[in-house]
Amino acid sequence: MTRMLKSFLGLAALAAFARAAPAPLFGINLGSGEEADSKPTAVAQADITSTLERPAKFARAAYCSAGAVTNWSCGASCDALPNVKVLTAGGDDGAIPGFFVASDPDSKTIVVAHQGTEPTQVLSIANDVEFLQVAANKTLFPQAGDDVKLHSGFQDTQGRTADLVMATVKDGLASTGFKKVLVTGHSLGAAVASLDTAMLRMALPQDVQVDSVVFGLPRVGNSAWADLFDKLMPTFAHVTNQNDPVPNVPPHALDFQHPAGELHIESVDASTGAATMVACPGSENQNCAAGNSLLDTSIPNHLGPYLNGISFGDKACPN
């Protein structure tokens, strides 16, 4: 905990210095980016269940081992999603976090899911000054302008599986005749999933519907990235949970910015697992996760429960 507190204090100091700095810091363009303060609106419990529960279950299953996922024998996490056929799965618990691509006949969807990491690790990855904002890979993101910058650590991680994900999704769509793709993940997996989402939306025909719901998303790129992503994915949803610190790294003051589409969990009923959730207009809404203090955070909020009793992390998947 002492290490974590020092990390947050360091972030706060870095953010304060960034606001006053006249030149790029650690190779990162400085700027506060856009903020919103419009009043959030309540999300109905029926909408939470119908639109968010299934993506959350797939993101949870991504924490299971590649072997268990391939056979769809990962215990309760797999049992909650019957009839799924895994098309590919991989990961080495190192440079390549776990992931899978699957066919979901119940929703007639090809699903891409990425494993997250423990919150202390993702905070370290997101804030290591050796990982700078870099230009978007034009091969994977051909619609990105020169002003679009991405967190190099997240882009590198996504790039290691991008070709396999793309090929498997295309093959899955062709073999099933499905016209929908869902991309999901939690934590680091949410960052990789958001990059996959943009890659797939740019590459797939417009008659293929690409949806993405992610959980505990750190900031992935600069304001130009957020603007591009908003145009590509107006239906994107990223769920933040109470005082989870991960959505607030890397700091907004260093011109890292979330896209729109935040759904913020204000509380979770301990007895039922039901979430009280609001939709947050705009980007970096100060009434939602962006308004949280770095000195008042909850690592358990990063792991969950998020909604309907669903939590993430290694403990959520024993196999």
Protein backbone atom coordinates (compact mmCIF):
# COMPACT_ATOMS: atom_id res chain seq x y z
CA MET A 1 0.00 0.00 0.00
CA THR A 2 2.88 2.36 0.71
CA ARG A 3 4.15 1.80 -2.80
CA MET A 4 0.69 2.45 -4.21
CA LEU A 5 0.32 5.67 -2.23
CA LYS A 6 3.68 6.90 -3.46
CA SER A 7 2.58 6.07 -7.00
CA PHE A 8 -0.55 8.21 -6.67
CA LEU A 9 1.30 11.07 -5.00
CA GLY A 10 3.82 10.95 -7.81
CA LEU A 11 1.03 11.05 -10.37
CA ALA A 12 -0.55 14.04 -8.68
CA ALA A 13 2.74 15.91 -8.66
CA LEU A 14 3.43 14.99 -12.27
CA ALA A 15 0.01 16.19 -13.34
CA ALA A 16 0.46 19.50 -11.51
CA PHE A 17 3.86 20.01 -13.12
CA ALA A 18 2.44 19.14 -16.53
CA ARG A 19 -0.13 21.91 -16.32
CA ALA A 20 2.63 24.47 -15.89
CA ALA A 21 5.23 22.99 -18.22
CA PRO A 22 5.84 24.94 -21.45
CA ALA A 23 7.28 22.03 -23.46
CA PRO A 24 6.70 18.29 -23.96
CA LEU A 25 7.36 16.25 -20.84
CA PHE A 26 8.91 12.80 -21.34
CA GLY A 27 8.00 13.10 -25.02
CA ILE A 28 4.29 13.56 -24.23
CA ASN A 29 2.33 16.52 -25.50
CA LEU A 30 0.86 18.45 -22.61
CA GLY A 31 -2.64 19.83 -22.47
CA SER A 32 -5.74 19.47 -20.36
CA GLY A 33 -7.89 18.17 -23.22
CA GLU A 34 -11.66 18.37 -23.19
CA GLU A 35 -13.78 17.99 -20.08
CA ALA A 36 -17.52 17.77 -19.60
CA ASP A 37 -19.65 18.55 -16.58
CA SER A 38 -23.16 17.82 -17.83
CA LYS A 39 -25.40 16.02 -15.38
CA PRO A 40 -25.33 12.21 -15.71
CA THR A 41 -28.58 10.31 -16.20
CA ALA A 42 -29.63 7.06 -14.55
CA VAL A 43 -29.24 3.77 -16.42
CA ALA A 44 -32.14 1.36 -15.94
CA GLN A 45 -31.40 -2.03 -14.42
CA ALA A 46 -33.03 -3.71 -17.42
CA ASP A 47 -30.60 -1.91 -19.76
CA ILE A 48 -27.63 -2.93 -17.61
CA THR A 49 -28.65 -6.56 -17.88
CA SER A 50 -29.55 -6.52 -21.58
CA THR A 51 -26.54 -4.56 -22.90
CA LEU A 52 -23.67 -4.95 -20.40
CA GLU A 53 -23.99 -8.31 -18.67
CA ARG A 54 -23.02 -10.52 -21.61
CA PRO A 55 -19.90 -8.48 -22.54
CA ALA A 56 -18.89 -8.56 -18.86
CA LYS A 57 -19.18 -12.34 -18.79
CA PHE A 58 -16.94 -12.65 -21.86
CA ALA A 59 -14.39 -10.24 -20.34
CA ARG A 60 -14.41 -12.33 -17.16
CA ALA A 61 -13.79 -15.55 -19.09
CA ALA A 62 -10.72 -13.98 -20.72
CA TYR A 63 -8.91 -14.37 -17.39
CA CYS A 64 -9.04 -18.17 -17.75
CA SER A 65 -6.13 -20.13 -19.20
CA ALA A 66 -5.91 -20.51 -22.97
CA GLY A 67 -6.32 -24.28 -22.64
CA ALA A 68 -9.48 -24.00 -20.57
CA VAL A 69 -10.90 -21.33 -22.87
CA THR A 70 -10.13 -23.30 -26.03
CA ASN A 71 -12.20 -26.21 -24.73
CA TRP A 72 -14.72 -23.83 -23.15
CA SER A 73 -14.25 -25.69 -19.87
CA CYS A 74 -13.33 -22.83 -17.54
CA GLY A 75 -15.90 -23.54 -14.85
CA ALA A 76 -18.61 -21.06 -13.94
CA SER A 77 -17.24 -18.36 -16.23
CA CYS A 78 -17.73 -20.58 -19.28
CA ASP A 79 -20.91 -22.23 -17.99
CA ALA A 80 -22.53 -18.78 -17.87
CA LEU A 81 -22.12 -18.56 -21.66
CA PRO A 82 -23.34 -21.86 -23.17
CA ASN A 83 -23.02 -22.75 -26.87
CA VAL A 84 -19.91 -20.63 -27.41
CA LYS A 85 -17.37 -22.00 -29.91
CA VAL A 86 -13.82 -20.71 -29.51
CA LEU A 87 -12.06 -20.02 -32.80
CA THR A 88 -8.67 -19.16 -31.37
CA ALA A 89 -7.16 -18.45 -27.96
CA GLY A 90 -3.70 -17.54 -26.77
CA GLY A 91 -1.47 -15.54 -24.48
CA ASP A 92 1.63 -16.18 -22.42
CA ASP A 93 0.85 -14.23 -19.23
CA GLY A 94 3.68 -11.92 -20.24
CA ALA A 95 4.10 -9.73 -23.31
CA ILE A 96 0.93 -11.31 -24.74
CA PRO A 97 -1.95 -11.24 -22.24
CA GLY A 98 -4.64 -13.89 -22.66
CA PHE A 99 -7.22 -13.41 -25.39
CA PHE A 100 -9.73 -15.34 -27.44
CA VAL A 101 -11.97 -15.00 -30.47
CA ALA A 102 -15.21 -16.96 -30.36
CA SER A 103 -18.48 -17.53 -32.15
CA ASP A 104 -21.55 -16.80 -30.02
CA PRO A 105 -24.54 -18.34 -31.82
CA ASP A 106 -27.00 -17.18 -29.17
CA SER A 107 -26.36 -13.55 -30.16
CA LYS A 108 -25.11 -14.31 -33.70
CA THR A 109 -21.89 -12.48 -32.92
CA ILE A 110 -18.14 -12.99 -33.27
CA VAL A 111 -16.62 -12.04 -29.91
CA VAL A 112 -13.10 -10.79 -29.19
CA ALA A 113 -12.11 -10.73 -25.52
CA HIS A 114 -8.84 -9.67 -23.89
CA GLN A 115 -7.49 -10.53 -20.46
CA GLY A 116 -6.69 -7.76 -18.03
CA THR A 117 -4.04 -7.62 -15.37
CA GLU A 118 -3.81 -6.91 -11.70
CA PRO A 119 -4.40 -3.19 -10.95
CA THR A 120 -0.92 -2.58 -9.53
CA GLN A 121 0.57 -3.88 -12.78
CA VAL A 122 -1.63 -1.85 -15.11
CA LEU A 123 -0.90 1.30 -13.12
CA SER A 124 2.80 0.62 -13.56
CA ILE A 125 2.42 -0.02 -17.29
CA ALA A 126 0.32 3.09 -17.83
CA ASN A 127 2.64 5.43 -15.97
CA ASP A 128 6.11 4.17 -16.81
CA VAL A 129 7.81 7.19 -18.39
CA GLU A 130 9.64 4.88 -20.77
CA PHE A 131 6.30 4.39 -22.55
CA LEU A 132 5.61 7.55 -24.49
CA GLN A 133 2.87 8.79 -26.73
CA VAL A 134 3.74 7.60 -30.22
CA ALA A 135 2.18 7.86 -33.66
CA ALA A 136 -0.58 5.40 -34.44
CA ASN A 137 0.43 2.40 -36.53
CA LYS A 138 -0.91 3.38 -39.96
CA THR A 139 -1.03 -0.26 -41.09
CA LEU A 140 -3.47 -1.13 -38.31
CA PHE A 141 -5.15 2.29 -38.11
CA PRO A 142 -5.11 3.72 -41.65
CA GLN A 143 -7.64 6.44 -40.82
CA ALA A 144 -5.49 7.92 -38.04
CA GLY A 145 -4.02 11.31 -38.84
CA ASP A 146 -0.53 12.42 -37.89
CA ASP A 147 -1.98 14.14 -34.82
CA VAL A 148 -3.25 10.86 -33.34
CA LYS A 149 -0.95 9.60 -30.59
CA LEU A 150 -1.24 6.38 -28.59
CA HIS A 151 0.30 5.05 -25.41
CA SER A 152 3.19 3.03 -26.80
CA GLY A 153 2.88 0.21 -24.26
CA PHE A 154 -0.78 -0.38 -25.08
CA GLN A 155 -0.21 -0.10 -28.83
CA ASP A 156 2.71 -2.54 -28.68
CA THR A 157 0.65 -5.06 -26.71
CA GLN A 158 -2.27 -4.84 -29.14
CA GLY A 159 0.05 -5.16 -32.12
CA ARG A 160 1.30 -8.57 -30.98
CA THR A 161 -2.08 -10.19 -31.58
CA ALA A 162 -3.63 -7.81 -34.13
CA ASP A 163 -3.02 -9.92 -37.24
CA LEU A 164 -4.39 -13.11 -35.65
CA VAL A 165 -7.43 -11.30 -34.27
CA MET A 166 -8.17 -9.69 -37.62
CA ALA A 167 -7.79 -12.91 -39.60
CA THR A 168 -9.85 -14.96 -37.14
CA VAL A 169 -12.67 -12.40 -37.02
CA LYS A 170 -12.85 -12.27 -40.81
CA ASP A 171 -12.84 -16.08 -41.05
CA GLY A 172 -15.48 -16.30 -38.33
CA LEU A 173 -17.78 -13.83 -40.07
CA ALA A 174 -17.37 -15.67 -43.38
CA SER A 175 -17.98 -19.16 -41.93
CA THR A 176 -20.99 -18.24 -39.79
CA GLY A 177 -22.65 -15.56 -41.88
CA PHE A 178 -22.91 -13.39 -38.76
CA LYS A 179 -22.90 -9.62 -39.22
CA LYS A 180 -21.95 -8.54 -35.70
CA VAL A 181 -18.68 -8.28 -33.79
CA LEU A 182 -18.33 -7.60 -30.06
CA VAL A 183 -15.00 -6.55 -28.55
CA THR A 184 -14.55 -6.54 -24.79
CA GLY A 185 -11.98 -6.66 -22.00
CA HIS A 186 -11.11 -5.40 -18.54
CA SER A 187 -8.20 -3.24 -17.36
CA LEU A 188 -5.21 -3.71 -19.71
CA GLY A 189 -7.56 -5.93 -21.71
CA ALA A 190 -9.92 -2.97 -22.07
CA ALA A 191 -7.11 -0.86 -23.53
CA VAL A 192 -6.19 -3.57 -26.04
CA ALA A 193 -9.88 -4.14 -26.82
CA SER A 194 -10.43 -0.47 -27.62
CA LEU A 195 -7.52 -0.56 -30.07
CA ASP A 196 -8.87 -3.76 -31.63
CA THR A 197 -12.25 -2.07 -31.93
CA ALA A 198 -10.84 0.81 -33.96
CA MET A 199 -8.78 -1.56 -36.10
CA LEU A 200 -11.77 -3.78 -36.88
CA ARG A 201 -14.14 -0.88 -37.53
CA MET A 202 -11.69 0.59 -40.05
CA ALA A 203 -11.13 -2.74 -41.80
CA LEU A 204 -14.51 -4.48 -41.88
CA PRO A 205 -17.35 -3.69 -44.30
CA GLN A 206 -19.93 -1.21 -43.06
CA ASP A 207 -22.65 -3.85 -43.12
CA VAL A 208 -20.83 -5.57 -40.25
CA GLN A 209 -21.88 -4.08 -36.92
CA VAL A 210 -18.94 -3.56 -34.53
CA ASP A 211 -19.80 -3.03 -30.88
CA SER A 212 -17.50 -2.63 -27.90
CA VAL A 213 -18.13 -2.64 -24.17
CA VAL A 214 -15.10 -2.53 -21.87
CA PHE A 215 -14.53 -2.31 -18.12
CA GLY A 216 -11.96 -0.38 -16.07
CA LEU A 217 -10.40 1.28 -19.13
CA PRO A 218 -7.17 3.30 -18.66
CA ARG A 219 -6.60 6.21 -21.03
CA VAL A 220 -5.18 4.91 -24.31
CA GLY A 221 -4.33 7.95 -26.41
CA ASN A 222 -4.47 11.70 -26.82
CA SER A 223 -7.42 13.96 -27.55
CA ALA A 224 -7.05 13.43 -31.31
CA TRP A 225 -7.36 9.68 -30.70
CA ALA A 226 -10.47 10.23 -28.58
CA ASP A 227 -12.03 12.38 -31.31
CA LEU A 228 -11.27 9.78 -33.99
CA PHE A 229 -12.62 6.98 -31.82
CA ASP A 230 -15.83 8.88 -31.13
CA LYS A 231 -16.44 9.23 -34.87
CA LEU A 232 -15.70 5.56 -35.50
CA MET A 233 -17.62 4.18 -32.53
CA PRO A 234 -20.53 6.40 -31.40
CA THR A 235 -22.04 3.42 -29.53
CA PHE A 236 -18.88 2.59 -27.54
CA ALA A 237 -19.37 2.01 -23.80
CA HIS A 238 -16.69 1.98 -21.11
CA VAL A 239 -17.81 1.11 -17.61
CA THR A 240 -16.05 2.70 -14.62
CA ASN A 241 -16.59 1.44 -11.11
CA GLN A 242 -16.88 3.89 -8.21
CA ASN A 243 -13.38 4.94 -7.01
CA ASP A 244 -11.33 2.70 -9.29
CA PRO A 245 -8.05 4.56 -9.97
CA VAL A 246 -7.22 2.89 -13.29
CA PRO A 247 -9.53 5.02 -15.50
CA ASN A 248 -7.58 8.07 -14.33
CA VAL A 249 -4.21 6.92 -15.64
CA PRO A 250 -2.24 8.06 -17.55
CA PRO A 251 -3.10 11.58 -16.32
CA HIS A 252 -5.51 13.68 -18.34
CA ALA A 253 -3.18 16.64 -17.84
CA LEU A 254 -0.62 14.92 -20.08
CA ASP A 255 -3.08 14.98 -23.02
CA PHE A 256 -4.35 11.48 -22.53
CA GLN A 257 -8.10 11.50 -23.02
CA HIS A 258 -10.93 9.00 -22.86
CA PRO A 259 -13.46 8.78 -25.65
CA ALA A 260 -17.12 9.40 -24.86
CA GLY A 261 -19.43 6.64 -23.70
CA GLU A 262 -18.64 6.37 -20.00
CA LEU A 263 -21.11 4.48 -17.82
CA HIS A 264 -20.22 5.10 -14.19
CA ILE A 265 -21.17 2.78 -11.34
CA GLU A 266 -21.95 4.87 -8.28
CA SER A 267 -22.62 1.96 -5.91
CA VAL A 268 -23.15 -1.80 -5.85
CA ASP A 269 -25.70 -3.48 -3.59
CA ALA A 270 -23.70 -5.91 -1.45
CA SER A 271 -26.59 -8.34 -1.10
CA THR A 272 -27.87 -8.48 -4.68
CA GLY A 273 -24.87 -7.37 -6.75
CA ALA A 274 -27.07 -4.84 -8.56
CA ALA A 275 -25.26 -1.70 -9.71
CA THR A 276 -26.54 1.87 -9.51
CA MET A 277 -25.21 3.31 -12.76
CA VAL A 278 -25.32 6.61 -14.63
CA ALA A 279 -24.55 7.56 -18.22
CA CYS A 280 -21.97 10.37 -18.34
CA PRO A 281 -22.39 12.85 -21.22
CA GLY A 282 -19.31 13.88 -23.18
CA SER A 283 -15.73 12.94 -22.41
CA GLU A 284 -13.92 13.17 -19.06
CA ASN A 285 -17.13 14.12 -17.27
CA GLN A 286 -16.19 15.60 -13.91
CA ASN A 287 -19.32 14.12 -12.31
CA CYS A 288 -18.04 10.61 -13.04
CA ALA A 289 -14.66 8.83 -12.86
CA ALA A 290 -12.67 11.85 -14.06
CA GLY A 291 -13.83 13.73 -10.98
CA ASN A 292 -12.37 11.16 -8.59
CA SER A 293 -9.42 12.14 -6.43
CA LEU A 294 -6.14 10.24 -6.76
CA LEU A 295 -5.99 10.35 -2.96
CA ASP A 296 -9.37 8.63 -2.52
CA THR A 297 -9.17 5.43 -4.55
CA SER A 298 -10.18 1.80 -4.20
CA ILE A 299 -8.19 -1.00 -5.80
CA PRO A 300 -11.03 -3.47 -4.98
CA ASN A 301 -13.34 -1.31 -7.13
CA HIS A 302 -11.11 -2.12 -10.10
CA LEU A 303 -11.72 -5.83 -9.71
CA GLY A 304 -15.41 -5.62 -8.81
CA PRO A 305 -18.11 -6.54 -8.43
CA TYR A 306 -19.25 -4.31 -11.28
CA LEU A 307 -22.77 -5.40 -12.17
CA ASN A 308 -25.00 -8.36 -11.38
CA GLY A 309 -22.27 -9.82 -9.16
CA ILE A 310 -19.61 -9.99 -11.92
CA SER A 311 -16.00 -9.42 -10.84
CA PHE A 312 -12.73 -9.68 -12.77
CA GLY A 313 -9.25 -10.97 -12.08
CA ASP A 314 -7.60 -14.34 -11.53
CA LYS A 315 -9.94 -15.16 -8.65
CA ALA A 316 -12.90 -14.81 -10.99
CA CYS A 317 -11.62 -17.73 -13.08
CA PRO A 318 -10.00 -20.67 -11.27
CA ASN A 319 -9.13 -22.57 -14.47
